[in-house]
Amino acid sequence: MPQPGSKKYDTKRARLRKEAERSGISDQDANDAANTSLQRDPHWQSDGPRTERGRGPKGERPGNTG
């Protein structure tokens, strides 16, 4: 699944932005619309950290008792 910031995500966002611009939306609004539509789609949302280290310091992780 593509993550925000990945090449596939950025490519999809650029395509959505171009489509919005062609339909008459301003540049800034087209960028916001593309980002919003991708963030709403569950296929393009982040899955969260991929490793234990990505969850943060061991003592500060949720569910860690000590």
N, C-alpha and C. Protein backbone atom coordinates (compact mmCIF):
# COMPACT_ATOMS: atom_id res chain seq x y z
N MET A 1 0.84 -1.18 0.00
CA MET A 1 0.00 0.00 0.00
C MET A 1 0.89 1.25 0.00
N PRO A 2 0.68 2.18 -0.90
CA PRO A 2 1.51 3.38 -0.95
C PRO A 2 1.36 4.25 0.30
N GLN A 3 2.46 4.76 0.75
CA GLN A 3 2.49 5.61 1.93
C GLN A 3 2.57 7.08 1.51
N PRO A 4 2.03 8.00 2.32
CA PRO A 4 2.22 9.42 2.02
C PRO A 4 3.71 9.73 1.94
N GLY A 5 4.10 10.45 0.89
CA GLY A 5 5.49 10.78 0.68
C GLY A 5 6.20 9.84 -0.27
N SER A 6 5.56 8.70 -0.60
CA SER A 6 6.17 7.77 -1.54
C SER A 6 5.99 8.27 -2.97
N LYS A 7 6.73 7.68 -3.88
CA LYS A 7 6.66 8.09 -5.28
C LYS A 7 5.26 7.85 -5.86
N LYS A 8 4.65 6.71 -5.56
CA LYS A 8 3.30 6.42 -6.07
C LYS A 8 2.28 7.42 -5.53
N TYR A 9 2.39 7.75 -4.26
CA TYR A 9 1.47 8.71 -3.63
C TYR A 9 1.61 10.07 -4.30
N ASP A 10 2.87 10.51 -4.47
CA ASP A 10 3.12 11.81 -5.08
C ASP A 10 2.64 11.87 -6.53
N THR A 11 2.82 10.76 -7.26
CA THR A 11 2.36 10.69 -8.64
C THR A 11 0.84 10.80 -8.71
N LYS A 12 0.16 10.08 -7.85
CA LYS A 12 -1.30 10.11 -7.81
C LYS A 12 -1.80 11.52 -7.44
N ARG A 13 -1.14 12.14 -6.46
CA ARG A 13 -1.52 13.49 -6.04
C ARG A 13 -1.34 14.48 -7.19
N ALA A 14 -0.25 14.34 -7.94
CA ALA A 14 0.00 15.24 -9.08
C ALA A 14 -1.08 15.06 -10.16
N ARG A 15 -1.47 13.83 -10.40
CA ARG A 15 -2.52 13.58 -11.40
C ARG A 15 -3.85 14.18 -10.97
N LEU A 16 -4.19 13.99 -9.71
CA LEU A 16 -5.44 14.57 -9.19
C LEU A 16 -5.40 16.09 -9.25
N ARG A 17 -4.24 16.66 -8.97
CA ARG A 17 -4.08 18.11 -9.01
C ARG A 17 -4.27 18.64 -10.43
N LYS A 18 -3.69 17.95 -11.41
CA LYS A 18 -3.84 18.36 -12.81
C LYS A 18 -5.30 18.30 -13.25
N GLU A 19 -6.00 17.24 -12.85
CA GLU A 19 -7.42 17.11 -13.19
C GLU A 19 -8.22 18.26 -12.61
N ALA A 20 -7.92 18.62 -11.37
CA ALA A 20 -8.64 19.72 -10.72
C ALA A 20 -8.34 21.05 -11.42
N GLU A 21 -7.09 21.26 -11.81
CA GLU A 21 -6.73 22.49 -12.51
C GLU A 21 -7.46 22.59 -13.86
N ARG A 22 -7.57 21.47 -14.54
CA ARG A 22 -8.26 21.46 -15.84
C ARG A 22 -9.75 21.75 -15.70
N SER A 23 -10.30 21.43 -14.54
CA SER A 23 -11.72 21.69 -14.33
C SER A 23 -11.99 23.12 -13.87
N GLY A 24 -10.92 23.94 -13.74
CA GLY A 24 -11.11 25.35 -13.44
C GLY A 24 -10.80 25.77 -12.02
N ILE A 25 -10.25 24.89 -11.21
CA ILE A 25 -9.90 25.22 -9.83
C ILE A 25 -8.53 25.87 -9.81
N SER A 26 -8.31 26.86 -8.95
CA SER A 26 -7.01 27.55 -8.87
C SER A 26 -5.91 26.58 -8.41
N ASP A 27 -4.66 26.98 -8.63
CA ASP A 27 -3.53 26.11 -8.29
C ASP A 27 -3.54 25.68 -6.82
N GLN A 28 -3.66 26.64 -5.92
CA GLN A 28 -3.62 26.32 -4.50
C GLN A 28 -4.80 25.45 -4.09
N ASP A 29 -5.97 25.77 -4.58
CA ASP A 29 -7.15 24.98 -4.24
C ASP A 29 -7.06 23.58 -4.84
N ALA A 30 -6.45 23.45 -6.01
CA ALA A 30 -6.28 22.13 -6.64
C ALA A 30 -5.35 21.27 -5.80
N ASN A 31 -4.29 21.86 -5.28
CA ASN A 31 -3.36 21.13 -4.44
C ASN A 31 -4.05 20.65 -3.16
N ASP A 32 -4.80 21.54 -2.53
CA ASP A 32 -5.54 21.17 -1.31
C ASP A 32 -6.57 20.09 -1.59
N ALA A 33 -7.27 20.19 -2.71
CA ALA A 33 -8.29 19.19 -3.06
C ALA A 33 -7.65 17.83 -3.29
N ALA A 34 -6.51 17.79 -3.96
CA ALA A 34 -5.82 16.53 -4.22
C ALA A 34 -5.36 15.89 -2.91
N ASN A 35 -4.78 16.68 -2.02
CA ASN A 35 -4.33 16.15 -0.73
C ASN A 35 -5.50 15.64 0.09
N THR A 36 -6.58 16.38 0.13
CA THR A 36 -7.75 15.98 0.90
C THR A 36 -8.35 14.68 0.39
N SER A 37 -8.46 14.56 -0.94
CA SER A 37 -9.08 13.35 -1.49
C SER A 37 -8.21 12.12 -1.22
N LEU A 38 -6.88 12.26 -1.27
CA LEU A 38 -6.01 11.13 -0.99
C LEU A 38 -6.03 10.77 0.50
N GLN A 39 -6.12 11.76 1.36
CA GLN A 39 -6.14 11.48 2.79
C GLN A 39 -7.42 10.79 3.22
N ARG A 40 -8.51 11.01 2.50
CA ARG A 40 -9.79 10.37 2.82
C ARG A 40 -9.85 8.92 2.36
N ASP A 41 -9.12 8.60 1.29
CA ASP A 41 -9.14 7.25 0.71
C ASP A 41 -8.31 6.31 1.58
N PRO A 42 -8.91 5.24 2.13
CA PRO A 42 -8.17 4.34 3.01
C PRO A 42 -7.00 3.64 2.32
N HIS A 43 -7.07 3.49 1.00
CA HIS A 43 -5.98 2.84 0.27
C HIS A 43 -4.70 3.67 0.31
N TRP A 44 -4.82 4.98 0.44
CA TRP A 44 -3.66 5.87 0.39
C TRP A 44 -3.24 6.36 1.77
N GLN A 45 -3.88 5.91 2.85
CA GLN A 45 -3.53 6.36 4.19
C GLN A 45 -2.33 5.58 4.73
N SER A 46 -1.60 6.19 5.63
CA SER A 46 -0.43 5.58 6.23
C SER A 46 -0.85 4.43 7.14
N ASP A 47 -0.03 3.38 7.15
CA ASP A 47 -0.27 2.25 8.04
C ASP A 47 0.37 2.43 9.40
N GLY A 48 1.12 3.49 9.57
CA GLY A 48 1.81 3.73 10.82
C GLY A 48 3.23 3.21 10.76
N PRO A 49 3.92 3.18 11.89
CA PRO A 49 5.32 2.75 11.91
C PRO A 49 5.46 1.30 11.44
N ARG A 50 6.52 1.03 10.69
CA ARG A 50 6.75 -0.32 10.17
C ARG A 50 7.57 -1.17 11.11
N THR A 51 8.29 -0.55 12.04
CA THR A 51 9.14 -1.30 12.96
C THR A 51 8.86 -0.86 14.39
N GLU A 52 9.37 -1.64 15.33
CA GLU A 52 9.23 -1.28 16.75
C GLU A 52 9.91 0.05 17.02
N ARG A 53 11.05 0.27 16.40
CA ARG A 53 11.80 1.50 16.62
C ARG A 53 10.99 2.72 16.15
N GLY A 54 10.17 2.54 15.13
CA GLY A 54 9.36 3.62 14.62
C GLY A 54 8.26 4.06 15.57
N ARG A 55 7.97 3.26 16.56
CA ARG A 55 6.93 3.60 17.53
C ARG A 55 7.43 4.54 18.62
N GLY A 56 8.73 4.82 18.66
CA GLY A 56 9.28 5.76 19.63
C GLY A 56 10.08 5.07 20.71
N PRO A 57 10.56 5.85 21.69
CA PRO A 57 11.35 5.28 22.79
C PRO A 57 10.55 4.22 23.55
N LYS A 58 11.25 3.17 23.95
CA LYS A 58 10.58 2.03 24.55
C LYS A 58 9.75 2.40 25.79
N GLY A 59 10.24 3.29 26.61
CA GLY A 59 9.51 3.68 27.82
C GLY A 59 8.30 4.56 27.55
N GLU A 60 8.20 5.12 26.35
CA GLU A 60 7.09 6.02 26.04
C GLU A 60 6.04 5.40 25.12
N ARG A 61 6.21 4.14 24.77
CA ARG A 61 5.25 3.48 23.86
C ARG A 61 3.95 3.16 24.59
N PRO A 62 2.83 3.31 23.90
CA PRO A 62 1.54 2.95 24.51
C PRO A 62 1.52 1.47 24.88
N GLY A 63 1.01 1.17 26.04
CA GLY A 63 0.88 -0.21 26.48
C GLY A 63 2.12 -0.76 27.16
N ASN A 64 3.17 0.03 27.27
CA ASN A 64 4.39 -0.40 27.92
C ASN A 64 4.29 -0.10 29.41
N THR A 65 4.44 -1.11 30.23
CA THR A 65 4.28 -0.93 31.69
C THR A 65 5.57 -0.54 32.38
N GLY A 66 6.69 -0.64 31.70
CA GLY A 66 7.86 -0.21 32.42
C GLY A 66 9.11 -0.51 31.80
